[in-house]
Amino acid sequence: MNHMIGMIPVCCILLGIILSKLDLQNKKKYLTSFLVIILLIIQLALFAHVPYMPSEEDTNVNINQKISSYVINSKGHILSENAGFAVLNGKELLIEPFVNTQLARHGLWNQSTFVGDLKNKNFSLIILEFDVMGDKIHKSRFTKEMVNAIRNNYYFVEKIGAYYIYKPRRE
């Protein structure tokens, strides 16, 4: 969901508060208030005007459909940085990588069981927003041990949009 959509109700509430506070008897305040309202309406019209770009929209739908087909067809647990892929496709969300990584870094969570699950290839599918095999590792999302377990036990399948798909290596 677009985070900007939440601003529409906020703007409506603020506009209502402004309108309720107006002293329409004073002509100077009336003119100023009228101009503020006109500017808000113009801003809302500009905000609401989004050029139609079917290729980008279609691409997002295609990306989600492709990733969803991987998730649906995977047997067992999946690991995804985007929890929506798991939840929307009926898979159990076992871990939130960013949160668990931060907890592990601060000594509040023992990652050894999770790293063991990665080494034992207990995830039938891993969906990441970065290339685990590349040089740019998002250290806020995974610890060094987690990344090494994925590198050593999973192989790259496909890049779909901004997502990298990995499956367990065969023995």
N, C-alpha and C. Protein backbone atom coordinates (compact mmCIF):
# COMPACT_ATOMS: atom_id res chain seq x y z
N MET A 1 0.84 -1.18 0.00
CA MET A 1 0.00 0.00 0.00
C MET A 1 0.88 1.23 0.00
N ASN A 2 0.49 2.20 -0.78
CA ASN A 2 1.26 3.43 -0.90
C ASN A 2 1.11 4.25 0.37
N HIS A 3 2.24 4.65 0.94
CA HIS A 3 2.22 5.41 2.19
C HIS A 3 1.63 6.80 2.01
N MET A 4 1.63 7.29 0.79
CA MET A 4 1.07 8.62 0.53
C MET A 4 -0.45 8.62 0.66
N ILE A 5 -1.08 7.48 0.49
CA ILE A 5 -2.53 7.41 0.59
C ILE A 5 -2.99 7.80 1.99
N GLY A 6 -2.20 7.48 2.99
CA GLY A 6 -2.53 7.84 4.36
C GLY A 6 -2.57 9.34 4.59
N MET A 7 -1.91 10.09 3.73
CA MET A 7 -1.90 11.54 3.87
C MET A 7 -3.23 12.17 3.46
N ILE A 8 -3.99 11.50 2.62
CA ILE A 8 -5.27 12.07 2.16
C ILE A 8 -6.23 12.27 3.33
N PRO A 9 -6.47 11.27 4.19
CA PRO A 9 -7.36 11.51 5.33
C PRO A 9 -6.81 12.58 6.27
N VAL A 10 -5.50 12.60 6.46
CA VAL A 10 -4.90 13.62 7.33
C VAL A 10 -5.16 15.01 6.77
N CYS A 11 -4.96 15.17 5.47
CA CYS A 11 -5.23 16.48 4.84
C CYS A 11 -6.71 16.86 4.96
N CYS A 12 -7.59 15.89 4.81
CA CYS A 12 -9.02 16.17 4.93
C CYS A 12 -9.38 16.62 6.35
N ILE A 13 -8.80 15.95 7.33
CA ILE A 13 -9.06 16.32 8.73
C ILE A 13 -8.52 17.72 9.01
N LEU A 14 -7.31 18.00 8.55
CA LEU A 14 -6.73 19.33 8.76
C LEU A 14 -7.55 20.41 8.05
N LEU A 15 -8.01 20.12 6.85
CA LEU A 15 -8.86 21.07 6.15
C LEU A 15 -10.14 21.33 6.92
N GLY A 16 -10.73 20.29 7.47
CA GLY A 16 -11.93 20.45 8.28
C GLY A 16 -11.68 21.30 9.51
N ILE A 17 -10.55 21.09 10.16
CA ILE A 17 -10.20 21.90 11.34
C ILE A 17 -10.01 23.35 10.94
N ILE A 18 -9.32 23.57 9.83
CA ILE A 18 -9.11 24.95 9.36
C ILE A 18 -10.44 25.62 9.06
N LEU A 19 -11.32 24.90 8.38
CA LEU A 19 -12.62 25.48 8.03
C LEU A 19 -13.45 25.77 9.28
N SER A 20 -13.36 24.94 10.28
CA SER A 20 -14.14 25.16 11.51
C SER A 20 -13.61 26.36 12.30
N LYS A 21 -12.35 26.68 12.15
CA LYS A 21 -11.74 27.79 12.89
C LYS A 21 -11.86 29.13 12.18
N LEU A 22 -12.33 29.12 10.94
CA LEU A 22 -12.41 30.37 10.18
C LEU A 22 -13.44 31.33 10.78
N ASP A 23 -13.04 32.57 10.85
CA ASP A 23 -13.96 33.63 11.25
C ASP A 23 -14.38 34.34 9.97
N LEU A 24 -15.51 33.91 9.44
CA LEU A 24 -15.94 34.42 8.14
C LEU A 24 -16.44 35.86 8.21
N GLN A 25 -16.56 36.43 9.39
CA GLN A 25 -17.01 37.82 9.52
C GLN A 25 -15.91 38.80 9.15
N ASN A 26 -14.69 38.45 9.40
CA ASN A 26 -13.57 39.33 9.12
C ASN A 26 -13.15 39.13 7.66
N LYS A 27 -13.25 40.17 6.81
CA LYS A 27 -12.99 40.03 5.38
C LYS A 27 -11.53 39.68 5.08
N LYS A 28 -10.59 40.21 5.87
CA LYS A 28 -9.19 39.92 5.65
C LYS A 28 -8.91 38.43 5.92
N LYS A 29 -9.45 37.93 7.01
CA LYS A 29 -9.30 36.52 7.32
C LYS A 29 -10.02 35.67 6.28
N TYR A 30 -11.15 36.16 5.82
CA TYR A 30 -11.92 35.44 4.81
C TYR A 30 -11.10 35.27 3.53
N LEU A 31 -10.45 36.33 3.08
CA LEU A 31 -9.65 36.28 1.87
C LEU A 31 -8.46 35.32 2.04
N THR A 32 -7.78 35.45 3.17
CA THR A 32 -6.63 34.57 3.44
C THR A 32 -7.07 33.11 3.50
N SER A 33 -8.16 32.88 4.20
CA SER A 33 -8.67 31.51 4.33
C SER A 33 -9.11 30.97 2.98
N PHE A 34 -9.74 31.80 2.19
CA PHE A 34 -10.19 31.40 0.86
C PHE A 34 -8.98 31.00 0.01
N LEU A 35 -7.90 31.78 0.06
CA LEU A 35 -6.69 31.47 -0.71
C LEU A 35 -6.05 30.17 -0.22
N VAL A 36 -6.04 29.95 1.09
CA VAL A 36 -5.48 28.71 1.64
C VAL A 36 -6.28 27.51 1.13
N ILE A 37 -7.60 27.64 1.15
CA ILE A 37 -8.46 26.55 0.67
C ILE A 37 -8.22 26.28 -0.81
N ILE A 38 -8.12 27.33 -1.60
CA ILE A 38 -7.87 27.17 -3.04
C ILE A 38 -6.52 26.47 -3.26
N LEU A 39 -5.50 26.90 -2.52
CA LEU A 39 -4.19 26.27 -2.65
C LEU A 39 -4.23 24.80 -2.25
N LEU A 40 -4.97 24.47 -1.19
CA LEU A 40 -5.10 23.08 -0.78
C LEU A 40 -5.81 22.24 -1.84
N ILE A 41 -6.82 22.82 -2.45
CA ILE A 41 -7.54 22.10 -3.51
C ILE A 41 -6.63 21.88 -4.72
N ILE A 42 -5.85 22.91 -5.07
CA ILE A 42 -4.91 22.76 -6.19
C ILE A 42 -3.87 21.69 -5.86
N GLN A 43 -3.38 21.72 -4.63
CA GLN A 43 -2.39 20.72 -4.21
C GLN A 43 -2.99 19.31 -4.27
N LEU A 44 -4.21 19.17 -3.81
CA LEU A 44 -4.87 17.87 -3.85
C LEU A 44 -5.04 17.40 -5.30
N ALA A 45 -5.42 18.34 -6.20
CA ALA A 45 -5.58 17.98 -7.61
C ALA A 45 -4.24 17.54 -8.20
N LEU A 46 -3.17 18.25 -7.86
CA LEU A 46 -1.84 17.86 -8.36
C LEU A 46 -1.41 16.52 -7.77
N PHE A 47 -1.72 16.31 -6.51
CA PHE A 47 -1.38 15.06 -5.84
C PHE A 47 -2.14 13.89 -6.46
N ALA A 48 -3.40 14.13 -6.78
CA ALA A 48 -4.24 13.07 -7.32
C ALA A 48 -3.91 12.75 -8.77
N HIS A 49 -3.28 13.67 -9.45
CA HIS A 49 -2.95 13.45 -10.86
C HIS A 49 -1.68 12.61 -10.96
N VAL A 50 -1.85 11.35 -11.31
CA VAL A 50 -0.73 10.46 -11.50
C VAL A 50 -0.76 10.01 -12.95
N PRO A 51 0.28 10.30 -13.70
CA PRO A 51 0.27 9.89 -15.11
C PRO A 51 0.14 8.37 -15.23
N TYR A 52 -0.61 7.93 -16.18
CA TYR A 52 -0.81 6.49 -16.37
C TYR A 52 0.41 5.92 -17.09
N MET A 53 1.04 4.97 -16.43
CA MET A 53 2.21 4.31 -17.01
C MET A 53 1.96 2.80 -16.97
N PRO A 54 1.28 2.28 -17.94
CA PRO A 54 0.91 0.87 -17.87
C PRO A 54 2.09 -0.07 -17.78
N SER A 55 3.20 0.28 -18.40
CA SER A 55 4.32 -0.65 -18.37
C SER A 55 4.85 -0.83 -16.95
N GLU A 56 4.96 0.25 -16.18
CA GLU A 56 5.45 0.14 -14.81
C GLU A 56 4.45 -0.62 -13.95
N GLU A 57 3.18 -0.31 -14.08
CA GLU A 57 2.14 -0.99 -13.29
C GLU A 57 2.09 -2.46 -13.65
N ASP A 58 2.11 -2.73 -14.96
CA ASP A 58 2.09 -4.12 -15.40
C ASP A 58 3.32 -4.87 -14.92
N THR A 59 4.46 -4.19 -14.90
CA THR A 59 5.69 -4.81 -14.43
C THR A 59 5.56 -5.21 -12.97
N ASN A 60 5.02 -4.31 -12.13
CA ASN A 60 4.85 -4.64 -10.71
C ASN A 60 3.91 -5.82 -10.52
N VAL A 61 2.84 -5.86 -11.27
CA VAL A 61 1.90 -6.98 -11.18
C VAL A 61 2.60 -8.26 -11.62
N ASN A 62 3.35 -8.19 -12.71
CA ASN A 62 4.06 -9.38 -13.21
C ASN A 62 5.11 -9.86 -12.22
N ILE A 63 5.82 -8.91 -11.59
CA ILE A 63 6.83 -9.27 -10.59
C ILE A 63 6.16 -10.02 -9.44
N ASN A 64 5.09 -9.46 -8.91
CA ASN A 64 4.39 -10.10 -7.80
C ASN A 64 3.85 -11.47 -8.19
N GLN A 65 3.32 -11.59 -9.39
CA GLN A 65 2.78 -12.87 -9.83
C GLN A 65 3.88 -13.92 -9.99
N LYS A 66 5.02 -13.52 -10.56
CA LYS A 66 6.12 -14.46 -10.73
C LYS A 66 6.65 -14.95 -9.39
N ILE A 67 6.86 -14.00 -8.46
CA ILE A 67 7.38 -14.39 -7.15
C ILE A 67 6.35 -15.24 -6.41
N SER A 68 5.09 -14.87 -6.53
CA SER A 68 4.03 -15.66 -5.89
C SER A 68 4.00 -17.09 -6.41
N SER A 69 4.26 -17.27 -7.70
CA SER A 69 4.26 -18.63 -8.25
C SER A 69 5.41 -19.45 -7.65
N TYR A 70 6.56 -18.82 -7.42
CA TYR A 70 7.65 -19.52 -6.74
C TYR A 70 7.23 -19.92 -5.33
N VAL A 71 6.60 -18.98 -4.62
CA VAL A 71 6.21 -19.23 -3.22
C VAL A 71 5.17 -20.34 -3.15
N ILE A 72 4.16 -20.26 -4.00
CA ILE A 72 3.08 -21.26 -4.00
C ILE A 72 3.63 -22.65 -4.32
N ASN A 73 4.56 -22.72 -5.26
CA ASN A 73 5.09 -24.02 -5.70
C ASN A 73 6.20 -24.56 -4.82
N SER A 74 6.63 -23.79 -3.84
CA SER A 74 7.70 -24.29 -2.97
C SER A 74 7.10 -25.16 -1.87
N LYS A 75 7.74 -26.26 -1.62
CA LYS A 75 7.31 -27.18 -0.56
C LYS A 75 8.10 -26.83 0.68
N GLY A 76 7.45 -26.54 1.75
CA GLY A 76 8.15 -26.23 2.99
C GLY A 76 8.21 -24.75 3.27
N HIS A 77 9.10 -24.40 4.18
CA HIS A 77 9.21 -23.02 4.65
C HIS A 77 9.99 -22.15 3.67
N ILE A 78 9.66 -20.86 3.67
CA ILE A 78 10.41 -19.92 2.87
C ILE A 78 10.95 -18.83 3.78
N LEU A 79 11.99 -18.17 3.29
CA LEU A 79 12.56 -17.01 3.97
C LEU A 79 12.46 -15.85 3.00
N SER A 80 11.82 -14.78 3.41
CA SER A 80 11.65 -13.63 2.53
C SER A 80 11.81 -12.34 3.31
N GLU A 81 12.56 -11.41 2.73
CA GLU A 81 12.67 -10.09 3.34
C GLU A 81 11.34 -9.36 3.27
N ASN A 82 10.56 -9.65 2.26
CA ASN A 82 9.24 -9.06 2.12
C ASN A 82 8.23 -10.08 2.66
N ALA A 83 7.77 -9.84 3.88
CA ALA A 83 6.87 -10.79 4.54
C ALA A 83 5.58 -10.99 3.77
N GLY A 84 5.18 -10.02 2.98
CA GLY A 84 3.94 -10.12 2.21
C GLY A 84 3.92 -11.30 1.28
N PHE A 85 5.06 -11.65 0.70
CA PHE A 85 5.09 -12.80 -0.21
C PHE A 85 4.70 -14.08 0.51
N ALA A 86 5.18 -14.25 1.72
CA ALA A 86 4.84 -15.46 2.48
C ALA A 86 3.38 -15.43 2.90
N VAL A 87 2.98 -14.36 3.54
CA VAL A 87 1.64 -14.28 4.13
C VAL A 87 0.55 -14.35 3.06
N LEU A 88 0.71 -13.61 1.98
CA LEU A 88 -0.33 -13.58 0.94
C LEU A 88 -0.45 -14.90 0.18
N ASN A 89 0.59 -15.72 0.26
CA ASN A 89 0.55 -17.00 -0.44
C ASN A 89 0.41 -18.19 0.49
N GLY A 90 -0.08 -17.93 1.70
CA GLY A 90 -0.41 -19.00 2.62
C GLY A 90 0.76 -19.69 3.29
N LYS A 91 1.92 -19.04 3.32
CA LYS A 91 3.08 -19.62 3.99
C LYS A 91 3.25 -18.98 5.36
N GLU A 92 3.78 -19.76 6.27
CA GLU A 92 4.01 -19.29 7.63
C GLU A 92 5.23 -18.37 7.66
N LEU A 93 5.09 -17.25 8.35
CA LEU A 93 6.20 -16.33 8.51
C LEU A 93 7.00 -16.75 9.74
N LEU A 94 8.20 -17.26 9.52
CA LEU A 94 9.00 -17.81 10.61
C LEU A 94 9.93 -16.79 11.25
N ILE A 95 10.40 -15.86 10.47
CA ILE A 95 11.41 -14.92 10.95
C ILE A 95 11.30 -13.63 10.16
N GLU A 96 11.59 -12.52 10.80
CA GLU A 96 11.68 -11.22 10.15
C GLU A 96 13.16 -10.86 10.14
N PRO A 97 13.84 -11.01 9.00
CA PRO A 97 15.30 -10.90 8.97
C PRO A 97 15.87 -9.64 9.62
N PHE A 98 15.33 -8.49 9.31
CA PHE A 98 15.89 -7.26 9.84
C PHE A 98 15.81 -7.23 11.37
N VAL A 99 14.63 -7.54 11.90
CA VAL A 99 14.43 -7.49 13.35
C VAL A 99 15.33 -8.52 14.04
N ASN A 100 15.32 -9.74 13.54
CA ASN A 100 16.12 -10.79 14.17
C ASN A 100 17.62 -10.51 14.08
N THR A 101 18.05 -9.92 12.98
CA THR A 101 19.46 -9.56 12.84
C THR A 101 19.85 -8.50 13.86
N GLN A 102 19.00 -7.51 14.05
CA GLN A 102 19.29 -6.48 15.05
C GLN A 102 19.33 -7.07 16.46
N LEU A 103 18.41 -7.97 16.74
CA LEU A 103 18.40 -8.63 18.05
C LEU A 103 19.67 -9.46 18.25
N ALA A 104 20.10 -10.16 17.21
CA ALA A 104 21.32 -10.97 17.29
C ALA A 104 22.54 -10.09 17.52
N ARG A 105 22.60 -8.97 16.83
CA ARG A 105 23.74 -8.07 16.98
C ARG A 105 23.84 -7.47 18.38
N HIS A 106 22.71 -7.36 19.04
CA HIS A 106 22.70 -6.79 20.39
C HIS A 106 22.67 -7.87 21.47
N GLY A 107 22.87 -9.10 21.06
CA GLY A 107 22.95 -10.20 22.01
C GLY A 107 21.62 -10.59 22.64
N LEU A 108 20.51 -10.23 21.97
CA LEU A 108 19.18 -10.51 22.52
C LEU A 108 18.52 -11.72 21.85
N TRP A 109 19.18 -12.28 20.86
CA TRP A 109 18.64 -13.45 20.16
C TRP A 109 19.81 -14.30 19.71
N ASN A 110 19.72 -15.59 19.97
CA ASN A 110 20.75 -16.53 19.55
C ASN A 110 20.43 -17.01 18.15
N GLN A 111 21.27 -16.63 17.21
CA GLN A 111 21.01 -16.95 15.80
C GLN A 111 21.44 -18.35 15.40
N SER A 112 22.05 -19.10 16.28
CA SER A 112 22.65 -20.38 15.90
C SER A 112 21.63 -21.37 15.33
N THR A 113 20.43 -21.42 15.88
CA THR A 113 19.41 -22.33 15.34
C THR A 113 19.01 -21.92 13.93
N PHE A 114 18.84 -20.63 13.73
CA PHE A 114 18.47 -20.12 12.40
C PHE A 114 19.59 -20.38 11.40
N VAL A 115 20.82 -20.09 11.77
CA VAL A 115 21.96 -20.35 10.88
C VAL A 115 22.05 -21.85 10.59
N GLY A 116 21.78 -22.67 11.59
CA GLY A 116 21.74 -24.12 11.39
C GLY A 116 20.67 -24.52 10.39
N ASP A 117 19.50 -23.86 10.48
CA ASP A 117 18.43 -24.14 9.51
C ASP A 117 18.86 -23.78 8.09
N LEU A 118 19.60 -22.69 7.96
CA LEU A 118 20.10 -22.30 6.64
C LEU A 118 21.12 -23.32 6.14
N LYS A 119 22.02 -23.74 7.02
CA LYS A 119 23.04 -24.73 6.63
C LYS A 119 22.40 -26.07 6.29
N ASN A 120 21.32 -26.41 6.96
CA ASN A 120 20.63 -27.67 6.69
C ASN A 120 19.62 -27.56 5.56
N LYS A 121 19.57 -26.41 4.93
CA LYS A 121 18.69 -26.16 3.78
C LYS A 121 17.23 -26.38 4.13
N ASN A 122 16.84 -25.92 5.29
CA ASN A 122 15.45 -26.09 5.75
C ASN A 122 14.48 -25.12 5.09
N PHE A 123 14.99 -24.19 4.31
CA PHE A 123 14.12 -23.27 3.58
C PHE A 123 14.10 -23.71 2.12
N SER A 124 12.92 -23.93 1.60
CA SER A 124 12.81 -24.38 0.21
C SER A 124 12.96 -23.22 -0.77
N LEU A 125 12.88 -21.99 -0.24
CA LEU A 125 12.97 -20.81 -1.09
C LEU A 125 13.43 -19.63 -0.24
N ILE A 126 14.33 -18.83 -0.78
CA ILE A 126 14.76 -17.61 -0.12
C ILE A 126 14.58 -16.46 -1.10
N ILE A 127 13.92 -15.39 -0.65
CA ILE A 127 13.67 -14.21 -1.48
C ILE A 127 14.32 -13.02 -0.78
N LEU A 128 15.32 -12.46 -1.44
CA LEU A 128 16.06 -11.34 -0.85
C LEU A 128 16.00 -10.11 -1.75
N GLU A 129 16.26 -8.97 -1.16
CA GLU A 129 16.29 -7.72 -1.91
C GLU A 129 17.72 -7.31 -2.24
N PHE A 130 18.65 -8.23 -2.14
CA PHE A 130 20.03 -7.98 -2.52
C PHE A 130 20.65 -9.30 -2.96
N ASP A 131 21.73 -9.19 -3.70
CA ASP A 131 22.42 -10.37 -4.20
C ASP A 131 23.36 -10.88 -3.13
N VAL A 132 23.02 -11.98 -2.52
CA VAL A 132 23.81 -12.55 -1.43
C VAL A 132 25.18 -13.00 -1.93
N MET A 133 25.30 -13.25 -3.21
CA MET A 133 26.58 -13.69 -3.78
C MET A 133 27.47 -12.51 -4.14
N GLY A 134 26.92 -11.30 -4.14
CA GLY A 134 27.67 -10.11 -4.54
C GLY A 134 28.44 -9.47 -3.40
N ASP A 135 29.04 -8.34 -3.72
CA ASP A 135 29.86 -7.63 -2.75
C ASP A 135 29.03 -6.74 -1.82
N LYS A 136 27.91 -6.25 -2.30
CA LYS A 136 27.09 -5.33 -1.51
C LYS A 136 26.11 -6.12 -0.64
N ILE A 137 26.50 -6.38 0.57
CA ILE A 137 25.66 -7.13 1.50
C ILE A 137 25.02 -6.13 2.45
N HIS A 138 23.72 -6.25 2.62
CA HIS A 138 23.01 -5.36 3.54
C HIS A 138 23.20 -5.89 4.96
N LYS A 139 24.20 -5.33 5.63
CA LYS A 139 24.57 -5.82 6.96
C LYS A 139 23.50 -5.55 8.00
N SER A 140 22.57 -4.65 7.71
CA SER A 140 21.50 -4.40 8.67
C SER A 140 20.46 -5.51 8.62
N ARG A 141 20.43 -6.25 7.53
CA ARG A 141 19.41 -7.28 7.36
C ARG A 141 19.88 -8.68 7.75
N PHE A 142 21.16 -8.95 7.61
CA PHE A 142 21.68 -10.28 7.90
C PHE A 142 23.06 -10.17 8.54
N THR A 143 23.35 -11.12 9.40
CA THR A 143 24.69 -11.18 9.97
C THR A 143 25.61 -11.90 8.99
N LYS A 144 26.89 -11.82 9.24
CA LYS A 144 27.89 -12.48 8.40
C LYS A 144 27.65 -13.99 8.36
N GLU A 145 27.29 -14.56 9.50
CA GLU A 145 27.04 -16.01 9.57
C GLU A 145 25.83 -16.41 8.72
N MET A 146 24.79 -15.60 8.75
CA MET A 146 23.60 -15.89 7.94
C MET A 146 23.93 -15.83 6.46
N VAL A 147 24.65 -14.78 6.06
CA VAL A 147 25.00 -14.61 4.65
C VAL A 147 25.87 -15.78 4.18
N ASN A 148 26.86 -16.16 4.98
CA ASN A 148 27.72 -17.28 4.59
C ASN A 148 26.94 -18.59 4.48
N ALA A 149 25.98 -18.80 5.37
CA ALA A 149 25.16 -20.01 5.31
C ALA A 149 24.32 -20.03 4.03
N ILE A 150 23.80 -18.88 3.64
CA ILE A 150 23.02 -18.81 2.38
C ILE A 150 23.95 -19.03 1.20
N ARG A 151 25.09 -18.35 1.18
CA ARG A 151 26.04 -18.49 0.06
C ARG A 151 26.47 -19.94 -0.14
N ASN A 152 26.73 -20.64 0.95
CA ASN A 152 27.27 -21.99 0.86
C ASN A 152 26.23 -23.07 0.60
N ASN A 153 24.96 -22.76 0.85
CA ASN A 153 23.94 -23.82 0.79
C ASN A 153 22.79 -23.55 -0.16
N TYR A 154 22.78 -22.39 -0.79
CA TYR A 154 21.71 -22.04 -1.72
C TYR A 154 22.32 -21.52 -3.01
N TYR A 155 21.59 -21.67 -4.10
CA TYR A 155 22.06 -21.15 -5.38
C TYR A 155 21.06 -20.14 -5.93
N PHE A 156 21.58 -19.22 -6.70
CA PHE A 156 20.78 -18.17 -7.33
C PHE A 156 19.95 -18.77 -8.45
N VAL A 157 18.64 -18.45 -8.45
CA VAL A 157 17.75 -18.97 -9.47
C VAL A 157 17.42 -17.90 -10.50
N GLU A 158 16.94 -16.76 -10.01
CA GLU A 158 16.46 -15.73 -10.92
C GLU A 158 16.33 -14.41 -10.18
N LYS A 159 16.54 -13.32 -10.92
CA LYS A 159 16.25 -11.99 -10.38
C LYS A 159 14.94 -11.53 -11.00
N ILE A 160 13.99 -11.19 -10.13
CA ILE A 160 12.67 -10.73 -10.59
C ILE A 160 12.47 -9.34 -10.00
N GLY A 161 12.51 -8.35 -10.84
CA GLY A 161 12.43 -6.97 -10.35
C GLY A 161 13.62 -6.70 -9.46
N ALA A 162 13.35 -6.31 -8.23
CA ALA A 162 14.42 -6.03 -7.26
C ALA A 162 14.72 -7.23 -6.36
N TYR A 163 14.09 -8.37 -6.63
CA TYR A 163 14.21 -9.53 -5.75
C TYR A 163 15.08 -10.61 -6.36
N TYR A 164 15.87 -11.24 -5.49
CA TYR A 164 16.75 -12.34 -5.87
C TYR A 164 16.19 -13.62 -5.27
N ILE A 165 16.02 -14.61 -6.11
CA ILE A 165 15.41 -15.89 -5.69
C ILE A 165 16.54 -16.93 -5.56
N TYR A 166 16.50 -17.63 -4.42
CA TYR A 166 17.49 -18.68 -4.15
C TYR A 166 16.77 -19.97 -3.74
N LYS A 167 17.37 -21.08 -4.15
CA LYS A 167 16.87 -22.40 -3.75
C LYS A 167 18.03 -23.21 -3.17
N PRO A 168 17.70 -24.25 -2.40
CA PRO A 168 18.77 -25.07 -1.79
C PRO A 168 19.61 -25.77 -2.85
N ARG A 169 20.91 -25.83 -2.58
CA ARG A 169 21.81 -26.58 -3.46
C ARG A 169 21.54 -28.07 -3.29
N ARG A 170 21.66 -28.79 -4.37
CA ARG A 170 21.53 -30.25 -4.29
C ARG A 170 22.87 -30.83 -3.93
N GLU A 171 22.85 -31.93 -3.21
CA GLU A 171 24.10 -32.58 -2.75
C GLU A 171 24.84 -33.18 -3.90
